[in-house]
Amino acid sequence: MLQAMKRLWRGWRKLAHGIITAQNTILLGGVFLFGIGPTAILAKITGRKLLDRRSIAAGEQPESHWSPIQDPPADLNSAQRPF
């Protein structure tokens, strides 16, 4: 009885793996074909960079929101406790 249940379980795992593989292929293929693909083509045609939040004229550099970190004073106490 135990051997039959093990064979049944292995068979179910193979079947489930096949179903999930087919499902993932169909879903991810659909997402790419109908979501990512047209968006990339449209961005390429219009020349937009999708990560930019504002439009930038040709030849301009975007402004940076980087704020420099000031170095703490180099003394013995700060070296012993770096965080």
PDB file of N, CA and C in Angstrom:
ATOM      1  N   MET A   1       0.823  -1.187   0.000  1.00  0.00           N
ATOM      2  CA  MET A   1       0.000   0.000   0.000  1.00  0.00           C
ATOM      3  C   MET A   1       0.877   1.266   0.000  1.00  0.00           C
ATOM      4  N   LEU A   2       1.945   1.247   0.803  1.00  0.00           N
ATOM      5  CA  LEU A   2       2.828   2.407   0.889  1.00  0.00           C
ATOM      6  C   LEU A   2       3.520   2.668  -0.456  1.00  0.00           C
ATOM      7  N   GLN A   3       3.945   1.598  -1.132  1.00  0.00           N
ATOM      8  CA  GLN A   3       4.602   1.759  -2.437  1.00  0.00           C
ATOM      9  C   GLN A   3       3.634   2.345  -3.465  1.00  0.00           C
ATOM     10  N   ALA A   4       2.399   1.928  -3.424  1.00  0.00           N
ATOM     11  CA  ALA A   4       1.402   2.464  -4.360  1.00  0.00           C
ATOM     12  C   ALA A   4       1.167   3.951  -4.099  1.00  0.00           C
ATOM     13  N   MET A   5       1.121   4.342  -2.850  1.00  0.00           N
ATOM     14  CA  MET A   5       0.927   5.752  -2.515  1.00  0.00           C
ATOM     15  C   MET A   5       2.140   6.585  -2.955  1.00  0.00           C
ATOM     16  N   LYS A   6       3.351   6.030  -2.810  1.00  0.00           N
ATOM     17  CA  LYS A   6       4.544   6.736  -3.259  1.00  0.00           C
ATOM     18  C   LYS A   6       4.528   6.930  -4.777  1.00  0.00           C
ATOM     19  N   ARG A   7       4.129   5.880  -5.511  1.00  0.00           N
ATOM     20  CA  ARG A   7       4.044   5.995  -6.970  1.00  0.00           C
ATOM     21  C   ARG A   7       2.984   7.012  -7.375  1.00  0.00           C
ATOM     22  N   LEU A   8       1.869   6.997  -6.672  1.00  0.00           N
ATOM     23  CA  LEU A   8       0.808   7.953  -6.948  1.00  0.00           C
ATOM     24  C   LEU A   8       1.300   9.382  -6.691  1.00  0.00           C
ATOM     25  N   TRP A   9       2.014   9.584  -5.593  1.00  0.00           N
ATOM     26  CA  TRP A   9       2.544  10.901  -5.256  1.00  0.00           C
ATOM     27  C   TRP A   9       3.560  11.377  -6.298  1.00  0.00           C
ATOM     28  N   ARG A  10       4.460  10.484  -6.735  1.00  0.00           N
ATOM     29  CA  ARG A  10       5.442  10.853  -7.757  1.00  0.00           C
ATOM     30  C   ARG A  10       4.748  11.208  -9.069  1.00  0.00           C
ATOM     31  N   GLY A  11       3.732  10.452  -9.409  1.00  0.00           N
ATOM     32  CA  GLY A  11       2.980  10.745 -10.631  1.00  0.00           C
ATOM     33  C   GLY A  11       2.288  12.094 -10.552  1.00  0.00           C
ATOM     34  N   TRP A  12       1.690  12.388  -9.393  1.00  0.00           N
ATOM     35  CA  TRP A  12       1.037  13.675  -9.213  1.00  0.00           C
ATOM     36  C   TRP A  12       2.030  14.825  -9.312  1.00  0.00           C
ATOM     37  N   ARG A  13       3.224  14.645  -8.733  1.00  0.00           N
ATOM     38  CA  ARG A  13       4.238  15.694  -8.804  1.00  0.00           C
ATOM     39  C   ARG A  13       4.668  15.959 -10.240  1.00  0.00           C
ATOM     40  N   LYS A  14       4.830  14.897 -11.041  1.00  0.00           N
ATOM     41  CA  LYS A  14       5.199  15.078 -12.452  1.00  0.00           C
ATOM     42  C   LYS A  14       4.101  15.809 -13.207  1.00  0.00           C
ATOM     43  N   LEU A  15       2.853  15.418 -12.970  1.00  0.00           N
ATOM     44  CA  LEU A  15       1.726  16.067 -13.632  1.00  0.00           C
ATOM     45  C   LEU A  15       1.632  17.545 -13.227  1.00  0.00           C
ATOM     46  N   ALA A  16       1.750  17.812 -11.932  1.00  0.00           N
ATOM     47  CA  ALA A  16       1.670  19.186 -11.449  1.00  0.00           C
ATOM     48  C   ALA A  16       2.817  20.025 -12.008  1.00  0.00           C
ATOM     49  N   HIS A  17       4.001  19.454 -12.089  1.00  0.00           N
ATOM     50  CA  HIS A  17       5.144  20.172 -12.646  1.00  0.00           C
ATOM     51  C   HIS A  17       4.892  20.529 -14.110  1.00  0.00           C
ATOM     52  N   GLY A  18       4.345  19.602 -14.869  1.00  0.00           N
ATOM     53  CA  GLY A  18       4.030  19.866 -16.274  1.00  0.00           C
ATOM     54  C   GLY A  18       2.970  20.954 -16.424  1.00  0.00           C
ATOM     55  N   ILE A  19       1.941  20.909 -15.579  1.00  0.00           N
ATOM     56  CA  ILE A  19       0.890  21.930 -15.636  1.00  0.00           C
ATOM     57  C   ILE A  19       1.453  23.300 -15.299  1.00  0.00           C
ATOM     58  N   ILE A  20       2.263  23.379 -14.257  1.00  0.00           N
ATOM     59  CA  ILE A  20       2.827  24.663 -13.839  1.00  0.00           C
ATOM     60  C   ILE A  20       3.788  25.204 -14.888  1.00  0.00           C
ATOM     61  N   THR A  21       4.563  24.337 -15.515  1.00  0.00           N
ATOM     62  CA  THR A  21       5.479  24.780 -16.563  1.00  0.00           C
ATOM     63  C   THR A  21       4.707  25.378 -17.731  1.00  0.00           C
ATOM     64  N   ALA A  22       3.642  24.714 -18.156  1.00  0.00           N
ATOM     65  CA  ALA A  22       2.823  25.236 -19.255  1.00  0.00           C
ATOM     66  C   ALA A  22       2.153  26.545 -18.857  1.00  0.00           C
ATOM     67  N   GLN A  23       1.629  26.611 -17.645  1.00  0.00           N
ATOM     68  CA  GLN A  23       0.956  27.818 -17.172  1.00  0.00           C
ATOM     69  C   GLN A  23       1.919  29.006 -17.127  1.00  0.00           C
ATOM     70  N   ASN A  24       3.105  28.794 -16.610  1.00  0.00           N
ATOM     71  CA  ASN A  24       4.090  29.875 -16.539  1.00  0.00           C
ATOM     72  C   ASN A  24       4.521  30.341 -17.918  1.00  0.00           C
ATOM     73  N   THR A  25       4.682  29.405 -18.837  1.00  0.00           N
ATOM     74  CA  THR A  25       5.080  29.767 -20.191  1.00  0.00           C
ATOM     75  C   THR A  25       4.009  30.631 -20.844  1.00  0.00           C
ATOM     76  N   ILE A  26       2.765  30.243 -20.692  1.00  0.00           N
ATOM     77  CA  ILE A  26       1.669  31.006 -21.299  1.00  0.00           C
ATOM     78  C   ILE A  26       1.524  32.375 -20.647  1.00  0.00           C
ATOM     79  N   LEU A  27       1.524  32.418 -19.307  1.00  0.00           N
ATOM     80  CA  LEU A  27       1.341  33.698 -18.622  1.00  0.00           C
ATOM     81  C   LEU A  27       2.495  34.664 -18.870  1.00  0.00           C
ATOM     82  N   LEU A  28       3.730  34.191 -18.725  1.00  0.00           N
ATOM     83  CA  LEU A  28       4.867  35.083 -18.921  1.00  0.00           C
ATOM     84  C   LEU A  28       5.031  35.489 -20.382  1.00  0.00           C
ATOM     85  N   GLY A  29       4.706  34.575 -21.297  1.00  0.00           N
ATOM     86  CA  GLY A  29       4.730  34.935 -22.713  1.00  0.00           C
ATOM     87  C   GLY A  29       3.698  36.003 -23.022  1.00  0.00           C
ATOM     88  N   GLY A  30       2.503  35.872 -22.436  1.00  0.00           N
ATOM     89  CA  GLY A  30       1.461  36.888 -22.639  1.00  0.00           C
ATOM     90  C   GLY A  30       1.853  38.231 -22.061  1.00  0.00           C
ATOM     91  N   VAL A  31       2.449  38.220 -20.873  1.00  0.00           N
ATOM     92  CA  VAL A  31       2.895  39.479 -20.260  1.00  0.00           C
ATOM     93  C   VAL A  31       3.932  40.141 -21.152  1.00  0.00           C
ATOM     94  N   PHE A  32       4.847  39.363 -21.691  1.00  0.00           N
ATOM     95  CA  PHE A  32       5.869  39.959 -22.543  1.00  0.00           C
ATOM     96  C   PHE A  32       5.268  40.467 -23.849  1.00  0.00           C
ATOM     97  N   LEU A  33       4.436  39.636 -24.501  1.00  0.00           N
ATOM     98  CA  LEU A  33       3.897  40.018 -25.803  1.00  0.00           C
ATOM     99  C   LEU A  33       2.941  41.200 -25.720  1.00  0.00           C
ATOM    100  N   PHE A  34       2.119  41.263 -24.683  1.00  0.00           N
ATOM    101  CA  PHE A  34       1.090  42.292 -24.616  1.00  0.00           C
ATOM    102  C   PHE A  34       1.411  43.421 -23.639  1.00  0.00           C
ATOM    103  N   GLY A  35       2.461  43.297 -22.865  1.00  0.00           N
ATOM    104  CA  GLY A  35       2.800  44.332 -21.894  1.00  0.00           C
ATOM    105  C   GLY A  35       4.152  44.956 -22.140  1.00  0.00           C
ATOM    106  N   ILE A  36       5.184  44.167 -21.983  1.00  0.00           N
ATOM    107  CA  ILE A  36       6.546  44.684 -22.069  1.00  0.00           C
ATOM    108  C   ILE A  36       6.942  45.011 -23.507  1.00  0.00           C
ATOM    109  N   GLY A  37       6.601  44.141 -24.428  1.00  0.00           N
ATOM    110  CA  GLY A  37       6.974  44.348 -25.834  1.00  0.00           C
ATOM    111  C   GLY A  37       6.437  45.644 -26.419  1.00  0.00           C
ATOM    112  N   PRO A  38       5.102  45.863 -26.391  1.00  0.00           N
ATOM    113  CA  PRO A  38       4.580  47.120 -26.938  1.00  0.00           C
ATOM    114  C   PRO A  38       5.089  48.367 -26.207  1.00  0.00           C
ATOM    115  N   THR A  39       5.275  48.266 -24.897  1.00  0.00           N
ATOM    116  CA  THR A  39       5.802  49.411 -24.147  1.00  0.00           C
ATOM    117  C   THR A  39       7.215  49.735 -24.618  1.00  0.00           C
ATOM    118  N   ALA A  40       8.044  48.735 -24.812  1.00  0.00           N
ATOM    119  CA  ALA A  40       9.418  48.966 -25.273  1.00  0.00           C
ATOM    120  C   ALA A  40       9.433  49.540 -26.682  1.00  0.00           C
ATOM    121  N   ILE A  41       8.566  49.035 -27.542  1.00  0.00           N
ATOM    122  CA  ILE A  41       8.509  49.542 -28.917  1.00  0.00           C
ATOM    123  C   ILE A  41       8.051  50.993 -28.922  1.00  0.00           C
ATOM    124  N   LEU A  42       7.025  51.309 -28.136  1.00  0.00           N
ATOM    125  CA  LEU A  42       6.527  52.680 -28.058  1.00  0.00           C
ATOM    126  C   LEU A  42       7.585  53.619 -27.499  1.00  0.00           C
ATOM    127  N   ALA A  43       8.318  53.184 -26.483  1.00  0.00           N
ATOM    128  CA  ALA A  43       9.377  54.017 -25.920  1.00  0.00           C
ATOM    129  C   ALA A  43      10.494  54.234 -26.935  1.00  0.00           C
ATOM    130  N   LYS A  44      10.788  53.215 -27.715  1.00  0.00           N
ATOM    131  CA  LYS A  44      11.837  53.335 -28.719  1.00  0.00           C
ATOM    132  C   LYS A  44      11.419  54.308 -29.823  1.00  0.00           C
ATOM    133  N   ILE A  45      10.143  54.239 -30.228  1.00  0.00           N
ATOM    134  CA  ILE A  45       9.659  55.126 -31.286  1.00  0.00           C
ATOM    135  C   ILE A  45       9.637  56.569 -30.812  1.00  0.00           C
ATOM    136  N   THR A  46       9.143  56.798 -29.598  1.00  0.00           N
ATOM    137  CA  THR A  46       9.034  58.169 -29.087  1.00  0.00           C
ATOM    138  C   THR A  46      10.353  58.709 -28.558  1.00  0.00           C
ATOM    139  N   GLY A  47      11.311  57.847 -28.258  1.00  0.00           N
ATOM    140  CA  GLY A  47      12.609  58.285 -27.765  1.00  0.00           C
ATOM    141  C   GLY A  47      12.620  58.595 -26.281  1.00  0.00           C
ATOM    142  N   ARG A  48      11.593  58.177 -25.550  1.00  0.00           N
ATOM    143  CA  ARG A  48      11.536  58.443 -24.109  1.00  0.00           C
ATOM    144  C   ARG A  48      12.352  57.421 -23.342  1.00  0.00           C
ATOM    145  N   LYS A  49      12.956  57.904 -22.289  1.00  0.00           N
ATOM    146  CA  LYS A  49      13.600  57.005 -21.344  1.00  0.00           C
ATOM    147  C   LYS A  49      12.591  56.780 -20.227  1.00  0.00           C
ATOM    148  N   LEU A  50      12.207  55.552 -19.997  1.00  0.00           N
ATOM    149  CA  LEU A  50      11.100  55.264 -19.107  1.00  0.00           C
ATOM    150  C   LEU A  50      11.422  55.507 -17.639  1.00  0.00           C
ATOM    151  N   LEU A  51      12.686  55.591 -17.273  1.00  0.00           N
ATOM    152  CA  LEU A  51      13.033  55.834 -15.882  1.00  0.00           C
ATOM    153  C   LEU A  51      13.065  57.314 -15.537  1.00  0.00           C
ATOM    154  N   ASP A  52      13.077  58.177 -16.536  1.00  0.00           N
ATOM    155  CA  ASP A  52      13.065  59.617 -16.275  1.00  0.00           C
ATOM    156  C   ASP A  52      11.661  60.049 -15.888  1.00  0.00           C
ATOM    157  N   ARG A  53      11.557  60.937 -14.916  1.00  0.00           N
ATOM    158  CA  ARG A  53      10.263  61.426 -14.448  1.00  0.00           C
ATOM    159  C   ARG A  53       9.845  62.718 -15.152  1.00  0.00           C
ATOM    160  N   ARG A  54      10.758  63.402 -15.763  1.00  0.00           N
ATOM    161  CA  ARG A  54      10.409  64.645 -16.436  1.00  0.00           C
ATOM    162  C   ARG A  54      11.088  64.655 -17.805  1.00  0.00           C
ATOM    163  N   SER A  55      10.595  65.495 -18.679  1.00  0.00           N
ATOM    164  CA  SER A  55      11.203  65.570 -20.001  1.00  0.00           C
ATOM    165  C   SER A  55      12.440  66.460 -19.942  1.00  0.00           C
ATOM    166  N   ILE A  56      13.435  66.074 -20.664  1.00  0.00           N
ATOM    167  CA  ILE A  56      14.706  66.803 -20.693  1.00  0.00           C
ATOM    168  C   ILE A  56      14.972  67.189 -22.140  1.00  0.00           C
ATOM    169  N   ALA A  57      15.293  68.451 -22.367  1.00  0.00           N
ATOM    170  CA  ALA A  57      15.604  68.902 -23.721  1.00  0.00           C
ATOM    171  C   ALA A  57      16.897  68.246 -24.191  1.00  0.00           C
ATOM    172  N   ALA A  58      17.035  68.147 -25.494  1.00  0.00           N
ATOM    173  CA  ALA A  58      18.215  67.504 -26.063  1.00  0.00           C
ATOM    174  C   ALA A  58      19.477  68.261 -25.672  1.00  0.00           C
ATOM    175  N   GLY A  59      20.465  67.560 -25.212  1.00  0.00           N
ATOM    176  CA  GLY A  59      21.736  68.154 -24.851  1.00  0.00           C
ATOM    177  C   GLY A  59      21.830  68.609 -23.406  1.00  0.00           C
ATOM    178  N   GLU A  60      20.719  68.621 -22.664  1.00  0.00           N
ATOM    179  CA  GLU A  60      20.750  69.036 -21.258  1.00  0.00           C
ATOM    180  C   GLU A  60      21.112  67.857 -20.368  1.00  0.00           C
ATOM    181  N   GLN A  61      21.701  68.188 -19.247  1.00  0.00           N
ATOM    182  CA  GLN A  61      21.990  67.178 -18.236  1.00  0.00           C
ATOM    183  C   GLN A  61      20.881  67.215 -17.192  1.00  0.00           C
ATOM    184  N   PRO A  62      20.358  66.071 -16.786  1.00  0.00           N
ATOM    185  CA  PRO A  62      19.327  66.088 -15.744  1.00  0.00           C
ATOM    186  C   PRO A  62      19.931  66.507 -14.412  1.00  0.00           C
ATOM    187  N   GLU A  63      19.099  67.158 -13.579  1.00  0.00           N
ATOM    188  CA  GLU A  63      19.603  67.573 -12.279  1.00  0.00           C
ATOM    189  C   GLU A  63      19.768  66.351 -11.382  1.00  0.00           C
ATOM    190  N   SER A  64      20.703  66.458 -10.476  1.00  0.00           N
ATOM    191  CA  SER A  64      21.000  65.356  -9.579  1.00  0.00           C
ATOM    192  C   SER A  64      20.404  65.633  -8.209  1.00  0.00           C
ATOM    193  N   HIS A  65      19.894  64.604  -7.586  1.00  0.00           N
ATOM    194  CA  HIS A  65      19.371  64.728  -6.236  1.00  0.00           C
ATOM    195  C   HIS A  65      20.325  64.099  -5.227  1.00  0.00           C
ATOM    196  N   TRP A  66      21.562  63.977  -5.612  1.00  0.00           N
ATOM    197  CA  TRP A  66      22.570  63.388  -4.752  1.00  0.00           C
ATOM    198  C   TRP A  66      22.988  64.414  -3.720  1.00  0.00           C
ATOM    199  N   SER A  67      22.992  64.021  -2.470  1.00  0.00           N
ATOM    200  CA  SER A  67      23.500  64.911  -1.426  1.00  0.00           C
ATOM    201  C   SER A  67      24.755  64.263  -0.843  1.00  0.00           C
ATOM    202  N   PRO A  68      25.865  64.970  -0.887  1.00  0.00           N
ATOM    203  CA  PRO A  68      27.116  64.369  -0.426  1.00  0.00           C
ATOM    204  C   PRO A  68      27.084  64.100   1.087  1.00  0.00           C
ATOM    205  N   ILE A  69      27.742  63.054   1.468  1.00  0.00           N
ATOM    206  CA  ILE A  69      27.828  62.676   2.875  1.00  0.00           C
ATOM    207  C   ILE A  69      29.058  63.335   3.470  1.00  0.00           C
ATOM    208  N   GLN A  70      28.874  63.967   4.613  1.00  0.00           N
ATOM    209  CA  GLN A  70      30.013  64.593   5.275  1.00  0.00           C
ATOM    210  C   GLN A  70      30.732  63.546   6.118  1.00  0.00           C
ATOM    211  N   ASP A  71      32.049  63.531   6.000  1.00  0.00           N
ATOM    212  CA  ASP A  71      32.848  62.579   6.764  1.00  0.00           C
ATOM    213  C   ASP A  71      32.874  62.970   8.235  1.00  0.00           C
ATOM    214  N   PRO A  72      32.701  62.002   9.125  1.00  0.00           N
ATOM    215  CA  PRO A  72      32.811  62.321  10.548  1.00  0.00           C
ATOM    216  C   PRO A  72      34.273  62.599  10.899  1.00  0.00           C
ATOM    217  N   PRO A  73      34.509  63.266  12.009  1.00  0.00           N
ATOM    218  CA  PRO A  73      35.898  63.537  12.385  1.00  0.00           C
ATOM    219  C   PRO A  73      36.656  62.231  12.646  1.00  0.00           C
ATOM    220  N   ALA A  74      37.891  62.189  12.202  1.00  0.00           N
ATOM    221  CA  ALA A  74      38.706  60.985  12.353  1.00  0.00           C
ATOM    222  C   ALA A  74      39.395  61.007  13.713  1.00  0.00           C
ATOM    223  N   ASP A  75      38.724  60.474  14.730  1.00  0.00           N
ATOM    224  CA  ASP A  75      39.353  60.360  16.040  1.00  0.00           C
ATOM    225  C   ASP A  75      39.222  58.924  16.524  1.00  0.00           C
ATOM    226  N   LEU A  76      39.783  58.629  17.637  1.00  0.00           N
ATOM    227  CA  LEU A  76      39.831  57.264  18.157  1.00  0.00           C
ATOM    228  C   LEU A  76      38.440  56.740  18.501  1.00  0.00           C
ATOM    229  N   ASN A  77      37.578  57.558  19.084  1.00  0.00           N
ATOM    230  CA  ASN A  77      36.232  57.098  19.456  1.00  0.00           C
ATOM    231  C   ASN A  77      35.412  56.706  18.240  1.00  0.00           C
ATOM    232  N   SER A  78      35.450  57.497  17.189  1.00  0.00           N
ATOM    233  CA  SER A  78      34.675  57.158  16.004  1.00  0.00           C
ATOM    234  C   SER A  78      35.269  55.943  15.294  1.00  0.00           C
ATOM    235  N   ALA A  79      36.556  55.704  15.390  1.00  0.00           N
ATOM    236  CA  ALA A  79      37.169  54.540  14.770  1.00  0.00           C
ATOM    237  C   ALA A  79      36.785  53.255  15.499  1.00  0.00           C
ATOM    238  N   GLN A  80      36.582  53.342  16.803  1.00  0.00           N
ATOM    239  CA  GLN A  80      36.190  52.166  17.583  1.00  0.00           C
ATOM    240  C   GLN A  80      34.722  51.794  17.374  1.00  0.00           C
ATOM    241  N   ARG A  81      33.873  52.783  17.072  1.00  0.00           N
ATOM    242  CA  ARG A  81      32.445  52.538  16.858  1.00  0.00           C
ATOM    243  C   ARG A  81      32.052  53.113  15.499  1.00  0.00           C
ATOM    244  N   PRO A  82      32.223  52.343  14.431  1.00  0.00           N
ATOM    245  CA  PRO A  82      31.975  52.907  13.106  1.00  0.00           C
ATOM    246  C   PRO A  82      30.502  53.106  12.761  1.00  0.00           C
ATOM    247  N   PHE A  83      29.591  52.505  13.529  1.00  0.00           N
ATOM    248  CA  PHE A  83      28.170  52.629  13.183  1.00  0.00           C
ATOM    249  C   PHE A  83      27.391  53.286  14.274  1.00  0.00           C
TER     250      PHE A  83
END
